C-alpha atoms as a PDB file:
ATOM      1  CA  MET A   1     162.560 -85.307  -0.818  1.00  0.00           C
ATOM      2  CA  CYS A   2     164.905 -87.288  -2.994  1.00  0.00           C
ATOM      3  CA  GLN A   3     168.463 -87.627  -1.737  1.00  0.00           C
ATOM      4  CA  THR A   4     169.800 -87.037  -5.241  1.00  0.00           C
ATOM      5  CA  GLN A   5     168.495 -84.967  -8.117  1.00  0.00           C
ATOM      6  CA  CYS A   6     167.489 -87.614 -10.650  1.00  0.00           C
ATOM      7  CA  VAL A   7     164.585 -87.187 -13.042  1.00  0.00           C
ATOM      8  CA  HIS A   8     163.350 -90.425 -14.586  1.00  0.00           C
ATOM      9  CA  GLN A   9     162.760 -89.063 -18.069  1.00  0.00           C
ATOM     10  CA  ASP A  10     161.031 -92.172 -19.415  1.00  0.00           C
ATOM     11  CA  VAL A  11     158.491 -92.208 -16.566  1.00  0.00           C
ATOM     12  CA  VAL A  12     157.936 -88.452 -16.745  1.00  0.00           C
ATOM     13  CA  ALA A  13     157.387 -88.620 -20.515  1.00  0.00           C
ATOM     14  CA  ARG A  14     154.934 -91.519 -20.193  1.00  0.00           C
ATOM     15  CA  VAL A  15     152.940 -89.828 -17.413  1.00  0.00           C
ATOM     16  CA  ALA A  16     152.960 -86.453 -19.198  1.00  0.00           C
ATOM     17  CA  LYS A  17     151.110 -88.042 -22.132  1.00  0.00           C
ATOM     18  CA  THR A  18     148.259 -89.065 -19.810  1.00  0.00           C
ATOM     19  CA  LEU A  19     147.774 -85.733 -18.037  1.00  0.00           C
ATOM     20  CA  LYS A  20     144.522 -83.933 -18.783  1.00  0.00           C
ATOM     21  CA  PRO A  21     144.460 -80.414 -20.219  1.00  0.00           C
ATOM     22  CA  GLU A  22     144.418 -77.530 -17.749  1.00  0.00           C
ATOM     23  CA  SER A  23     140.848 -76.600 -18.770  1.00  0.00           C
ATOM     24  CA  THR A  24     139.616 -80.114 -17.912  1.00  0.00           C
ATOM     25  CA  LEU A  25     141.347 -80.019 -14.530  1.00  0.00           C
ATOM     26  CA  GLN A  26     139.826 -76.588 -13.882  1.00  0.00           C
ATOM     27  CA  ARG A  27     136.330 -77.991 -14.530  1.00  0.00           C
ATOM     28  CA  LEU A  28     137.081 -80.973 -12.299  1.00  0.00           C
ATOM     29  CA  GLY A  29     138.148 -78.612  -9.518  1.00  0.00           C
ATOM     30  CA  GLU A  30     134.877 -76.690  -9.868  1.00  0.00           C
ATOM     31  CA  PHE A  31     132.983 -79.993  -9.804  1.00  0.00           C
ATOM     32  CA  TYR A  32     134.585 -80.956  -6.489  1.00  0.00           C
ATOM     33  CA  LYS A  33     134.054 -77.466  -5.121  1.00  0.00           C
ATOM     34  CA  VAL A  34     130.308 -77.854  -5.738  1.00  0.00           C
ATOM     35  CA  LEU A  35     130.385 -81.242  -4.001  1.00  0.00           C
ATOM     36  CA  GLY A  36     132.201 -79.673  -1.046  1.00  0.00           C
ATOM     37  CA  ASP A  37     129.024 -78.108   0.372  1.00  0.00           C
ATOM     38  CA  PRO A  38     127.022 -80.197   2.904  1.00  0.00           C
ATOM     39  CA  THR A  39     123.701 -78.693   1.797  1.00  0.00           C
ATOM     40  CA  ARG A  40     124.287 -79.623  -1.823  1.00  0.00           C
ATOM     41  CA  LEU A  41     125.409 -83.092  -0.747  1.00  0.00           C
ATOM     42  CA  LYS A  42     122.209 -83.501   1.249  1.00  0.00           C
ATOM     43  CA  ILE A  43     120.202 -82.531  -1.848  1.00  0.00           C
ATOM     44  CA  LEU A  44     122.157 -84.940  -4.028  1.00  0.00           C
ATOM     45  CA  THR A  45     121.799 -87.839  -1.587  1.00  0.00           C
ATOM     46  CA  ALA A  46     118.059 -87.204  -1.430  1.00  0.00           C
ATOM     47  CA  LEU A  47     117.822 -87.103  -5.221  1.00  0.00           C
ATOM     48  CA  ALA A  48     119.771 -90.364  -5.371  1.00  0.00           C
ATOM     49  CA  GLN A  49     116.713 -91.959  -3.739  1.00  0.00           C
ATOM     50  CA  ASP A  50     113.975 -90.449  -5.917  1.00  0.00           C
ATOM     51  CA  GLU A  51     113.072 -87.426  -8.000  1.00  0.00           C
ATOM     52  CA  LEU A  52     111.782 -84.566  -5.881  1.00  0.00           C
ATOM     53  CA  CYS A  53     110.288 -81.114  -6.345  1.00  0.00           C
ATOM     54  CA  VAL A  54     111.636 -77.996  -4.620  1.00  0.00           C
ATOM     55  CA  CYS A  55     108.949 -78.252  -1.918  1.00  0.00           C
ATOM     56  CA  ASP A  56     109.941 -81.849  -1.170  1.00  0.00           C
ATOM     57  CA  ILE A  57     113.620 -80.939  -0.898  1.00  0.00           C
ATOM     58  CA  ALA A  58     112.851 -77.907   1.282  1.00  0.00           C
ATOM     59  CA  CYS A  59     110.849 -80.140   3.636  1.00  0.00           C
ATOM     60  CA  LEU A  60     113.650 -82.731   3.813  1.00  0.00           C
ATOM     61  CA  THR A  61     116.373 -80.175   4.473  1.00  0.00           C
ATOM     62  CA  GLY A  62     114.462 -77.698   6.637  1.00  0.00           C
ATOM     63  CA  MET A  63     115.455 -74.894   4.284  1.00  0.00           C
ATOM     64  CA  SER A  64     113.387 -72.343   2.388  1.00  0.00           C
ATOM     65  CA  GLU A  65     112.252 -73.061  -1.142  1.00  0.00           C
ATOM     66  CA  SER A  66     114.211 -70.009  -2.277  1.00  0.00           C
ATOM     67  CA  ALA A  67     117.441 -71.352  -0.769  1.00  0.00           C
ATOM     68  CA  ILE A  68     116.837 -74.758  -2.340  1.00  0.00           C
ATOM     69  CA  SER A  69     116.145 -73.184  -5.732  1.00  0.00           C
ATOM     70  CA  HIS A  70     119.447 -71.333  -5.503  1.00  0.00           C
ATOM     71  CA  GLN A  71     121.328 -74.562  -4.756  1.00  0.00           C
ATOM     72  CA  LEU A  72     119.510 -76.446  -7.520  1.00  0.00           C
ATOM     73  CA  ARG A  73     120.444 -73.729 -10.013  1.00  0.00           C
ATOM     74  CA  LEU A  74     124.107 -74.287  -9.183  1.00  0.00           C
ATOM     75  CA  LEU A  75     123.700 -78.066  -9.382  1.00  0.00           C
ATOM     76  CA  ARG A  76     122.024 -77.704 -12.794  1.00  0.00           C
ATOM     77  CA  THR A  77     124.787 -75.400 -14.029  1.00  0.00           C
ATOM     78  CA  THR A  78     127.401 -77.995 -13.119  1.00  0.00           C
ATOM     79  CA  ARG A  79     125.282 -80.704 -14.772  1.00  0.00           C
ATOM     80  CA  LEU A  80     124.799 -82.718 -11.579  1.00  0.00           C
ATOM     81  CA  VAL A  81     121.006 -82.550 -11.641  1.00  0.00           C
ATOM     82  CA  THR A  82     118.372 -82.344 -14.319  1.00  0.00           C
ATOM     83  CA  TYR A  83     114.670 -81.573 -14.211  1.00  0.00           C
ATOM     84  CA  ARG A  84     111.376 -82.310 -15.856  1.00  0.00           C
ATOM     85  CA  LYS A  85     108.131 -80.389 -15.726  1.00  0.00           C
ATOM     86  CA  GLN A  86     104.804 -81.995 -14.988  1.00  0.00           C
ATOM     87  CA  GLY A  87     102.197 -79.282 -15.296  1.00  0.00           C
ATOM     88  CA  ARG A  88     103.307 -76.514 -12.964  1.00  0.00           C
ATOM     89  CA  ILE A  89     105.541 -78.758 -10.869  1.00  0.00           C
ATOM     90  CA  VAL A  90     109.242 -79.180 -11.607  1.00  0.00           C
ATOM     91  CA  PHE A  91     110.796 -82.472 -10.529  1.00  0.00           C
ATOM     92  CA  TYR A  92     114.548 -82.751 -10.048  1.00  0.00           C
ATOM     93  CA  SER A  93     116.708 -85.852 -10.350  1.00  0.00           C
ATOM     94  CA  LEU A  94     120.376 -86.716 -10.638  1.00  0.00           C
ATOM     95  CA  ALA A  95     121.730 -86.018 -14.106  1.00  0.00           C
ATOM     96  CA  ASP A  96     123.033 -89.542 -14.635  1.00  0.00           C
ATOM     97  CA  GLN A  97     124.311 -92.687 -12.969  1.00  0.00           C
ATOM     98  CA  HIS A  98     127.814 -91.207 -12.659  1.00  0.00           C
ATOM     99  CA  VAL A  99     126.583 -88.676 -10.110  1.00  0.00           C
ATOM    100  CA  SER A 100     124.950 -91.416  -8.061  1.00  0.00           C
ATOM    101  CA  ASP A 101     128.126 -93.506  -8.260  1.00  0.00           C
ATOM    102  CA  ILE A 102     130.292 -90.596  -7.085  1.00  0.00           C
ATOM    103  CA  ILE A 103     128.013 -89.937  -4.109  1.00  0.00           C
ATOM    104  CA  THR A 104     127.865 -93.641  -3.227  1.00  0.00           C
ATOM    105  CA  GLN A 105     131.645 -94.064  -3.486  1.00  0.00           C
ATOM    106  CA  GLY A 106     132.232 -90.969  -1.356  1.00  0.00           C
ATOM    107  CA  LEU A 107     129.840 -92.193   1.314  1.00  0.00           C
ATOM    108  CA  ASN A 108     131.428 -95.656   1.283  1.00  0.00           C
ATOM    109  CA  HIS A 109     134.826 -94.064   1.787  1.00  0.00           C
ATOM    110  CA  VAL A 110     133.866 -91.814   4.709  1.00  0.00           C
ATOM    111  CA  GLU A 111     131.787 -94.505   6.409  1.00  0.00           C
ATOM    112  CA  GLU A 112     134.576 -97.138   6.407  1.00  0.00           C
END
């Protein structure tokens, strides 16, 4: 705590201009909440290597296809993964390079 009550108005005003709207921060919080689950992180790290179908992901994680589908639905809703259909098979991949970068940066941080 500060020893004296002194608000630096110029700094506060400058920083206030850069703050994001509450709705944006709410979405960011939801984004991190989705990333806070080890199962979803395992799926994302696998998809960072290659596109995979539900069966592939279920095999890698040791989970049921139903459980994987549920997780992928949430990852699609939060725009972290995308999919493409090839015949009757649906292949999943990371939505964009940003997702891969976030996963890589997080892993670099925890593995330091």
